[in-house]
């Protein structure tokens, strides 16, 4: 199986506070990988390293065999944990902006998803609830024909009844053989879709296993999460 993400001896600090220490990691292509850990464990930092938003770290990072840069950014779609759209922007304007900016963006698909999400092109971001804004951001990301999707807490602002719909949207709209790295606190809701589980905390990788290995273990992902991070509960 080809490798999508490679980290060699990656360390990242904020001043004297070390978030990631000497991380060595290989993540395969074509898989859905769950990234888990408590708040402050380094999940968002790791994602920003992969996207090129953070570059003041030591070590080596490759995406699809390439060092992080313009080429990797062209094949990577990133959903941050906070909205980046200005309040005055309308949903339709956001779609048109992405279509102009990214040559791998599917405008027709985006307008179809907008309807599925029960959003209107004329609705302004500032009038949307947090859940509605997250749906719009997810739509913008998933309508890019990317090889790697890096999704930071895509279900954080939606109610439980909408989580299944959002997750199905992610699964049904990913291009064939693409890779998804998805961070979440909602381990119980998400474990059915993960091909691999990655847990980070205390500055290091604490668990990295395939779903098959976890199933053979006889424990649920939620149970393993509680064992790895007992202080969270």
C-alpha atoms as a PDB file:
ATOM      1  CA  UNK A   1       0.000   0.000   0.000  1.00  0.00           C
ATOM      2  CA  UNK A   2       1.372   3.424  -0.978  1.00  0.00           C
ATOM      3  CA  UNK A   3       2.211   5.967   1.707  1.00  0.00           C
ATOM      4  CA  UNK A   4       0.359   9.297   1.773  1.00  0.00           C
ATOM      5  CA  UNK A   5       1.869  10.946   4.873  1.00  0.00           C
ATOM      6  CA  UNK A   6       5.406  10.574   6.220  1.00  0.00           C
ATOM      7  CA  UNK A   7       6.863  12.264   9.292  1.00  0.00           C
ATOM      8  CA  UNK A   8      10.460  11.731  10.370  1.00  0.00           C
ATOM      9  CA  UNK A   9      11.705  13.089  13.712  1.00  0.00           C
ATOM     10  CA  UNK A  10       9.196  15.947  13.687  1.00  0.00           C
ATOM     11  CA  UNK A  11       9.277  18.237  16.708  1.00  0.00           C
ATOM     12  CA  UNK A  12       7.195  21.383  17.140  1.00  0.00           C
ATOM     13  CA  UNK A  13       7.261  23.770  20.083  1.00  0.00           C
ATOM     14  CA  UNK A  14       5.482  26.968  21.019  1.00  0.00           C
ATOM     15  CA  UNK A  15       8.186  28.746  22.953  1.00  0.00           C
ATOM     16  CA  UNK A  16       9.281  26.360  25.703  1.00  0.00           C
ATOM     17  CA  UNK A  17       6.127  24.248  25.371  1.00  0.00           C
ATOM     18  CA  UNK A  18       6.708  21.141  23.229  1.00  0.00           C
ATOM     19  CA  UNK A  19       3.565  19.932  21.424  1.00  0.00           C
ATOM     20  CA  UNK A  20       5.067  17.248  19.164  1.00  0.00           C
ATOM     21  CA  UNK A  21       8.339  15.545  20.099  1.00  0.00           C
ATOM     22  CA  UNK A  22      10.344  13.425  17.647  1.00  0.00           C
ATOM     23  CA  UNK A  23       7.286  12.082  15.808  1.00  0.00           C
ATOM     24  CA  UNK A  24       7.914   9.280  13.310  1.00  0.00           C
ATOM     25  CA  UNK A  25       4.833   8.212  11.393  1.00  0.00           C
ATOM     26  CA  UNK A  26       3.695   6.677   8.108  1.00  0.00           C
ATOM     27  CA  UNK A  27       0.048   6.815   7.064  1.00  0.00           C
ATOM     28  CA  UNK A  28      -1.183   4.867   4.016  1.00  0.00           C
ATOM     29  CA  UNK A  29      -2.954   6.257   0.983  1.00  0.00           C
ATOM     30  CA  UNK A  30      -6.587   5.493   0.253  1.00  0.00           C
ATOM     31  CA  UNK A  31      -7.598   5.099   3.894  1.00  0.00           C
ATOM     32  CA  UNK A  32      -9.847   6.918   6.362  1.00  0.00           C
ATOM     33  CA  UNK A  33      -7.673   7.664   9.374  1.00  0.00           C
ATOM     34  CA  UNK A  34      -9.099   8.811  12.687  1.00  0.00           C
ATOM     35  CA  UNK A  35      -6.908  11.261  14.592  1.00  0.00           C
ATOM     36  CA  UNK A  36      -7.828  11.314  18.269  1.00  0.00           C
ATOM     37  CA  UNK A  37      -6.626  12.914  21.461  1.00  0.00           C
ATOM     38  CA  UNK A  38      -7.785  15.351  24.145  1.00  0.00           C
ATOM     39  CA  UNK A  39      -7.713  19.129  23.731  1.00  0.00           C
ATOM     40  CA  UNK A  40      -4.148  20.372  23.533  1.00  0.00           C
ATOM     41  CA  UNK A  41      -2.738  17.042  22.429  1.00  0.00           C
ATOM     42  CA  UNK A  42      -1.355  18.414  19.142  1.00  0.00           C
ATOM     43  CA  UNK A  43      -4.002  17.258  16.640  1.00  0.00           C
ATOM     44  CA  UNK A  44      -4.516  20.682  15.064  1.00  0.00           C
ATOM     45  CA  UNK A  45      -0.780  21.406  15.140  1.00  0.00           C
ATOM     46  CA  UNK A  46      -0.088  18.167  13.275  1.00  0.00           C
ATOM     47  CA  UNK A  47      -2.716  19.026  10.669  1.00  0.00           C
ATOM     48  CA  UNK A  48      -1.310  22.517  10.173  1.00  0.00           C
ATOM     49  CA  UNK A  49       2.159  21.046   9.673  1.00  0.00           C
ATOM     50  CA  UNK A  50       0.784  18.799   6.928  1.00  0.00           C
ATOM     51  CA  UNK A  51      -1.005  21.683   5.208  1.00  0.00           C
ATOM     52  CA  UNK A  52       2.006  23.988   5.320  1.00  0.00           C
ATOM     53  CA  UNK A  53       0.344  26.489   7.655  1.00  0.00           C
ATOM     54  CA  UNK A  54       3.056  25.756  10.220  1.00  0.00           C
ATOM     55  CA  UNK A  55       6.630  25.432   8.983  1.00  0.00           C
ATOM     56  CA  UNK A  56       8.774  26.328  12.006  1.00  0.00           C
ATOM     57  CA  UNK A  57       9.348  22.735  13.103  1.00  0.00           C
ATOM     58  CA  UNK A  58      12.297  20.373  12.957  1.00  0.00           C
ATOM     59  CA  UNK A  59      12.246  17.104  11.049  1.00  0.00           C
ATOM     60  CA  UNK A  60      10.975  15.991   7.656  1.00  0.00           C
ATOM     61  CA  UNK A  61       7.391  15.916   6.373  1.00  0.00           C
ATOM     62  CA  UNK A  62       6.225  14.488   3.048  1.00  0.00           C
ATOM     63  CA  UNK A  63       2.790  14.262   1.496  1.00  0.00           C
ATOM     64  CA  UNK A  64       2.416  11.801  -1.391  1.00  0.00           C
ATOM     65  CA  UNK A  65       6.205  11.549  -1.447  1.00  0.00           C
ATOM     66  CA  UNK A  66       6.727  15.296  -1.818  1.00  0.00           C
ATOM     67  CA  UNK A  67       8.008  17.841   0.714  1.00  0.00           C
ATOM     68  CA  UNK A  68       5.278  20.173   1.922  1.00  0.00           C
ATOM     69  CA  UNK A  69       4.959  23.027  -0.554  1.00  0.00           C
ATOM     70  CA  UNK A  70       3.010  24.267  -3.558  1.00  0.00           C
ATOM     71  CA  UNK A  71       2.717  20.802  -5.096  1.00  0.00           C
ATOM     72  CA  UNK A  72       1.334  19.144  -1.950  1.00  0.00           C
ATOM     73  CA  UNK A  73      -1.062  22.035  -1.329  1.00  0.00           C
ATOM     74  CA  UNK A  74      -2.563  21.488  -4.784  1.00  0.00           C
ATOM     75  CA  UNK A  75      -3.596  17.919  -3.894  1.00  0.00           C
ATOM     76  CA  UNK A  76      -4.660  18.594  -0.291  1.00  0.00           C
ATOM     77  CA  UNK A  77      -7.978  20.003   0.932  1.00  0.00           C
ATOM     78  CA  UNK A  78      -8.096  21.332   4.501  1.00  0.00           C
ATOM     79  CA  UNK A  79     -11.076  21.929   6.764  1.00  0.00           C
ATOM     80  CA  UNK A  80      -9.941  23.984   9.790  1.00  0.00           C
ATOM     81  CA  UNK A  81     -11.684  23.887  13.152  1.00  0.00           C
ATOM     82  CA  UNK A  82     -12.752  27.534  12.801  1.00  0.00           C
ATOM     83  CA  UNK A  83     -14.577  29.340  10.020  1.00  0.00           C
ATOM     84  CA  UNK A  84     -12.429  31.320   7.588  1.00  0.00           C
ATOM     85  CA  UNK A  85     -15.313  32.924   5.672  1.00  0.00           C
ATOM     86  CA  UNK A  86     -16.179  36.602   6.261  1.00  0.00           C
ATOM     87  CA  UNK A  87     -19.629  37.279   7.671  1.00  0.00           C
ATOM     88  CA  UNK A  88     -20.739  39.366   4.697  1.00  0.00           C
ATOM     89  CA  UNK A  89     -20.095  36.571   2.194  1.00  0.00           C
ATOM     90  CA  UNK A  90     -23.048  34.664   0.775  1.00  0.00           C
ATOM     91  CA  UNK A  91     -22.991  30.896   0.340  1.00  0.00           C
ATOM     92  CA  UNK A  92     -23.107  31.230  -3.446  1.00  0.00           C
ATOM     93  CA  UNK A  93     -20.235  33.721  -3.391  1.00  0.00           C
ATOM     94  CA  UNK A  94     -18.160  31.299  -1.322  1.00  0.00           C
ATOM     95  CA  UNK A  95     -18.743  28.570  -3.899  1.00  0.00           C
ATOM     96  CA  UNK A  96     -17.847  30.885  -6.776  1.00  0.00           C
ATOM     97  CA  UNK A  97     -14.705  32.044  -4.942  1.00  0.00           C
ATOM     98  CA  UNK A  98     -13.520  28.469  -4.438  1.00  0.00           C
ATOM     99  CA  UNK A  99     -14.330  27.618  -8.066  1.00  0.00           C
ATOM    100  CA  UNK A 100     -12.173  30.533  -9.243  1.00  0.00           C
ATOM    101  CA  UNK A 101      -9.344  29.767  -6.822  1.00  0.00           C
ATOM    102  CA  UNK A 102      -9.062  25.972  -7.187  1.00  0.00           C
ATOM    103  CA  UNK A 103      -8.948  24.339 -10.602  1.00  0.00           C
ATOM    104  CA  UNK A 104     -10.011  21.005  -9.045  1.00  0.00           C
ATOM    105  CA  UNK A 105     -13.235  22.425  -7.558  1.00  0.00           C
ATOM    106  CA  UNK A 106     -16.586  21.068  -8.804  1.00  0.00           C
ATOM    107  CA  UNK A 107     -19.004  24.022  -8.841  1.00  0.00           C
ATOM    108  CA  UNK A 108     -22.006  21.981 -10.020  1.00  0.00           C
ATOM    109  CA  UNK A 109     -21.502  19.429  -7.272  1.00  0.00           C
ATOM    110  CA  UNK A 110     -21.182  22.226  -4.702  1.00  0.00           C
ATOM    111  CA  UNK A 111     -24.539  23.762  -5.615  1.00  0.00           C
ATOM    112  CA  UNK A 112     -26.129  20.320  -5.425  1.00  0.00           C
ATOM    113  CA  UNK A 113     -24.704  19.783  -1.946  1.00  0.00           C
ATOM    114  CA  UNK A 114     -25.834  23.254  -0.924  1.00  0.00           C
ATOM    115  CA  UNK A 115     -29.396  22.187  -1.683  1.00  0.00           C
ATOM    116  CA  UNK A 116     -28.909  18.899   0.178  1.00  0.00           C
ATOM    117  CA  UNK A 117     -27.719  20.864   3.213  1.00  0.00           C
ATOM    118  CA  UNK A 118     -30.836  23.060   2.986  1.00  0.00           C
ATOM    119  CA  UNK A 119     -28.761  26.186   2.516  1.00  0.00           C
ATOM    120  CA  UNK A 120     -29.488  28.891  -0.052  1.00  0.00           C
ATOM    121  CA  UNK A 121     -26.964  30.691  -2.283  1.00  0.00           C
ATOM    122  CA  UNK A 122     -28.153  34.104  -1.057  1.00  0.00           C
ATOM    123  CA  UNK A 123     -27.720  33.337   2.657  1.00  0.00           C
ATOM    124  CA  UNK A 124     -24.923  35.273   4.366  1.00  0.00           C
ATOM    125  CA  UNK A 125     -22.441  33.521   6.626  1.00  0.00           C
ATOM    126  CA  UNK A 126     -23.220  35.858   9.537  1.00  0.00           C
ATOM    127  CA  UNK A 127     -26.861  34.749   9.519  1.00  0.00           C
ATOM    128  CA  UNK A 128     -25.962  31.045   9.713  1.00  0.00           C
ATOM    129  CA  UNK A 129     -25.787  28.986  12.889  1.00  0.00           C
ATOM    130  CA  UNK A 130     -22.463  27.369  13.795  1.00  0.00           C
ATOM    131  CA  UNK A 131     -23.733  24.063  12.413  1.00  0.00           C
ATOM    132  CA  UNK A 132     -24.807  25.667   9.143  1.00  0.00           C
ATOM    133  CA  UNK A 133     -21.432  27.366   8.757  1.00  0.00           C
ATOM    134  CA  UNK A 134     -19.654  24.063   9.319  1.00  0.00           C
ATOM    135  CA  UNK A 135     -21.807  22.419   6.668  1.00  0.00           C
ATOM    136  CA  UNK A 136     -20.869  25.147   4.189  1.00  0.00           C
ATOM    137  CA  UNK A 137     -17.165  24.808   4.981  1.00  0.00           C
ATOM    138  CA  UNK A 138     -17.373  21.029   4.636  1.00  0.00           C
ATOM    139  CA  UNK A 139     -19.113  21.432   1.286  1.00  0.00           C
ATOM    140  CA  UNK A 140     -16.356  23.724   0.013  1.00  0.00           C
ATOM    141  CA  UNK A 141     -13.643  21.273   1.027  1.00  0.00           C
ATOM    142  CA  UNK A 142     -15.306  18.078  -0.198  1.00  0.00           C
ATOM    143  CA  UNK A 143     -16.070  19.558  -3.624  1.00  0.00           C
ATOM    144  CA  UNK A 144     -12.365  19.728  -4.389  1.00  0.00           C
ATOM    145  CA  UNK A 145     -11.023  16.704  -6.239  1.00  0.00           C
ATOM    146  CA  UNK A 146      -8.138  16.192  -3.800  1.00  0.00           C
ATOM    147  CA  UNK A 147      -5.915  13.251  -2.965  1.00  0.00           C
ATOM    148  CA  UNK A 148      -5.772  14.080   0.748  1.00  0.00           C
ATOM    149  CA  UNK A 149      -8.538  15.589   2.893  1.00  0.00           C
ATOM    150  CA  UNK A 150      -7.464  16.938   6.279  1.00  0.00           C
ATOM    151  CA  UNK A 151     -10.596  17.531   8.351  1.00  0.00           C
ATOM    152  CA  UNK A 152     -10.299  19.122  11.799  1.00  0.00           C
ATOM    153  CA  UNK A 153     -13.386  18.283  13.896  1.00  0.00           C
ATOM    154  CA  UNK A 154     -15.950  18.346  11.035  1.00  0.00           C
ATOM    155  CA  UNK A 155     -18.730  17.241  13.410  1.00  0.00           C
ATOM    156  CA  UNK A 156     -17.946  19.602  16.261  1.00  0.00           C
ATOM    157  CA  UNK A 157     -20.822  22.010  15.707  1.00  0.00           C
ATOM    158  CA  UNK A 158     -23.595  19.730  14.477  1.00  0.00           C
ATOM    159  CA  UNK A 159     -26.253  18.061  16.586  1.00  0.00           C
ATOM    160  CA  UNK A 160     -26.289  14.265  17.016  1.00  0.00           C
ATOM    161  CA  UNK A 161     -29.108  13.785  14.520  1.00  0.00           C
ATOM    162  CA  UNK A 162     -27.039  15.459  11.790  1.00  0.00           C
ATOM    163  CA  UNK A 163     -23.765  13.616  12.415  1.00  0.00           C
ATOM    164  CA  UNK A 164     -24.735  10.562  10.402  1.00  0.00           C
ATOM    165  CA  UNK A 165     -25.770  12.737   7.467  1.00  0.00           C
ATOM    166  CA  UNK A 166     -22.531  14.733   7.604  1.00  0.00           C
ATOM    167  CA  UNK A 167     -20.406  11.595   7.810  1.00  0.00           C
ATOM    168  CA  UNK A 168     -22.252  10.033   4.895  1.00  0.00           C
ATOM    169  CA  UNK A 169     -21.626  13.243   2.951  1.00  0.00           C
ATOM    170  CA  UNK A 170     -17.887  12.920   3.558  1.00  0.00           C
ATOM    171  CA  UNK A 171     -17.803   9.248   2.599  1.00  0.00           C
ATOM    172  CA  UNK A 172     -19.998   9.597  -0.483  1.00  0.00           C
ATOM    173  CA  UNK A 173     -18.167  12.619  -1.890  1.00  0.00           C
ATOM    174  CA  UNK A 174     -14.542  11.575  -1.498  1.00  0.00           C
ATOM    175  CA  UNK A 175     -12.844  10.679  -4.783  1.00  0.00           C
ATOM    176  CA  UNK A 176     -11.906   7.051  -5.205  1.00  0.00           C
ATOM    177  CA  UNK A 177      -8.555   6.162  -3.590  1.00  0.00           C
ATOM    178  CA  UNK A 178      -8.345   9.491  -1.759  1.00  0.00           C
ATOM    179  CA  UNK A 179      -7.134   9.660   1.832  1.00  0.00           C
ATOM    180  CA  UNK A 180      -8.984  11.269   4.737  1.00  0.00           C
ATOM    181  CA  UNK A 181      -7.302  12.320   7.971  1.00  0.00           C
ATOM    182  CA  UNK A 182     -10.107  13.284  10.344  1.00  0.00           C
ATOM    183  CA  UNK A 183      -9.722  14.509  13.903  1.00  0.00           C
ATOM    184  CA  UNK A 184     -12.571  14.017  16.346  1.00  0.00           C
ATOM    185  CA  UNK A 185     -13.548  13.764  19.987  1.00  0.00           C
ATOM    186  CA  UNK A 186     -16.587  11.677  19.051  1.00  0.00           C
ATOM    187  CA  UNK A 187     -14.895   8.309  19.071  1.00  0.00           C
ATOM    188  CA  UNK A 188     -18.047   6.252  19.538  1.00  0.00           C
ATOM    189  CA  UNK A 189     -19.834   7.883  16.586  1.00  0.00           C
ATOM    190  CA  UNK A 190     -16.883   7.571  14.234  1.00  0.00           C
ATOM    191  CA  UNK A 191     -15.204   4.231  14.827  1.00  0.00           C
ATOM    192  CA  UNK A 192     -17.355   2.406  12.263  1.00  0.00           C
ATOM    193  CA  UNK A 193     -15.798   4.368   9.381  1.00  0.00           C
ATOM    194  CA  UNK A 194     -12.102   4.406  10.300  1.00  0.00           C
ATOM    195  CA  UNK A 195      -9.609   2.157   8.519  1.00  0.00           C
ATOM    196  CA  UNK A 196      -6.891   3.224  10.930  1.00  0.00           C
ATOM    197  CA  UNK A 197      -6.805   4.867  14.353  1.00  0.00           C
ATOM    198  CA  UNK A 198      -4.135   7.334  15.446  1.00  0.00           C
ATOM    199  CA  UNK A 199      -4.033   8.655  19.019  1.00  0.00           C
ATOM    200  CA  UNK A 200      -1.612  11.372  20.055  1.00  0.00           C
ATOM    201  CA  UNK A 201      -0.941  12.926  23.438  1.00  0.00           C
ATOM    202  CA  UNK A 202       1.875  13.740  25.841  1.00  0.00           C
ATOM    203  CA  UNK A 203       3.844  14.984  22.806  1.00  0.00           C
ATOM    204  CA  UNK A 204       3.937  11.600  21.059  1.00  0.00           C
ATOM    205  CA  UNK A 205       2.047   8.926  19.150  1.00  0.00           C
ATOM    206  CA  UNK A 206       0.383   6.718  21.765  1.00  0.00           C
ATOM    207  CA  UNK A 207      -1.490   4.366  19.445  1.00  0.00           C
ATOM    208  CA  UNK A 208      -1.461   3.657  15.707  1.00  0.00           C
ATOM    209  CA  UNK A 209      -3.370   0.575  14.630  1.00  0.00           C
ATOM    210  CA  UNK A 210      -5.450  -0.631  11.705  1.00  0.00           C
ATOM    211  CA  UNK A 211      -9.155  -1.249  12.242  1.00  0.00           C
ATOM    212  CA  UNK A 212      -8.566  -4.949  11.586  1.00  0.00           C
ATOM    213  CA  UNK A 213      -5.989  -5.137  14.382  1.00  0.00           C
ATOM    214  CA  UNK A 214      -8.283  -3.253  16.740  1.00  0.00           C
ATOM    215  CA  UNK A 215     -11.188  -5.571  15.964  1.00  0.00           C
ATOM    216  CA  UNK A 216      -8.980  -8.599  16.605  1.00  0.00           C
ATOM    217  CA  UNK A 217      -8.149  -7.081  19.981  1.00  0.00           C
ATOM    218  CA  UNK A 218     -11.792  -7.460  20.964  1.00  0.00           C
ATOM    219  CA  UNK A 219     -12.122  -3.917  22.315  1.00  0.00           C
ATOM    220  CA  UNK A 220     -14.008  -1.010  20.859  1.00  0.00           C
ATOM    221  CA  UNK A 221     -12.150   2.109  19.812  1.00  0.00           C
ATOM    222  CA  UNK A 222     -13.989   3.996  22.539  1.00  0.00           C
ATOM    223  CA  UNK A 223     -12.705   1.551  25.174  1.00  0.00           C
ATOM    224  CA  UNK A 224      -9.141   1.890  23.888  1.00  0.00           C
ATOM    225  CA  UNK A 225      -9.445   5.675  23.916  1.00  0.00           C
ATOM    226  CA  UNK A 226     -10.432   5.569  27.581  1.00  0.00           C
ATOM    227  CA  UNK A 227      -7.457   3.323  28.333  1.00  0.00           C
ATOM    228  CA  UNK A 228      -4.992   5.583  26.512  1.00  0.00           C
ATOM    229  CA  UNK A 229      -6.467   8.803  27.931  1.00  0.00           C
ATOM    230  CA  UNK A 230      -7.934   7.888  31.336  1.00  0.00           C
ATOM    231  CA  UNK A 231      -7.490  11.446  32.582  1.00  0.00           C
ATOM    232  CA  UNK A 232     -10.004  12.753  30.024  1.00  0.00           C
ATOM    233  CA  UNK A 233     -12.926  10.977  31.738  1.00  0.00           C
END
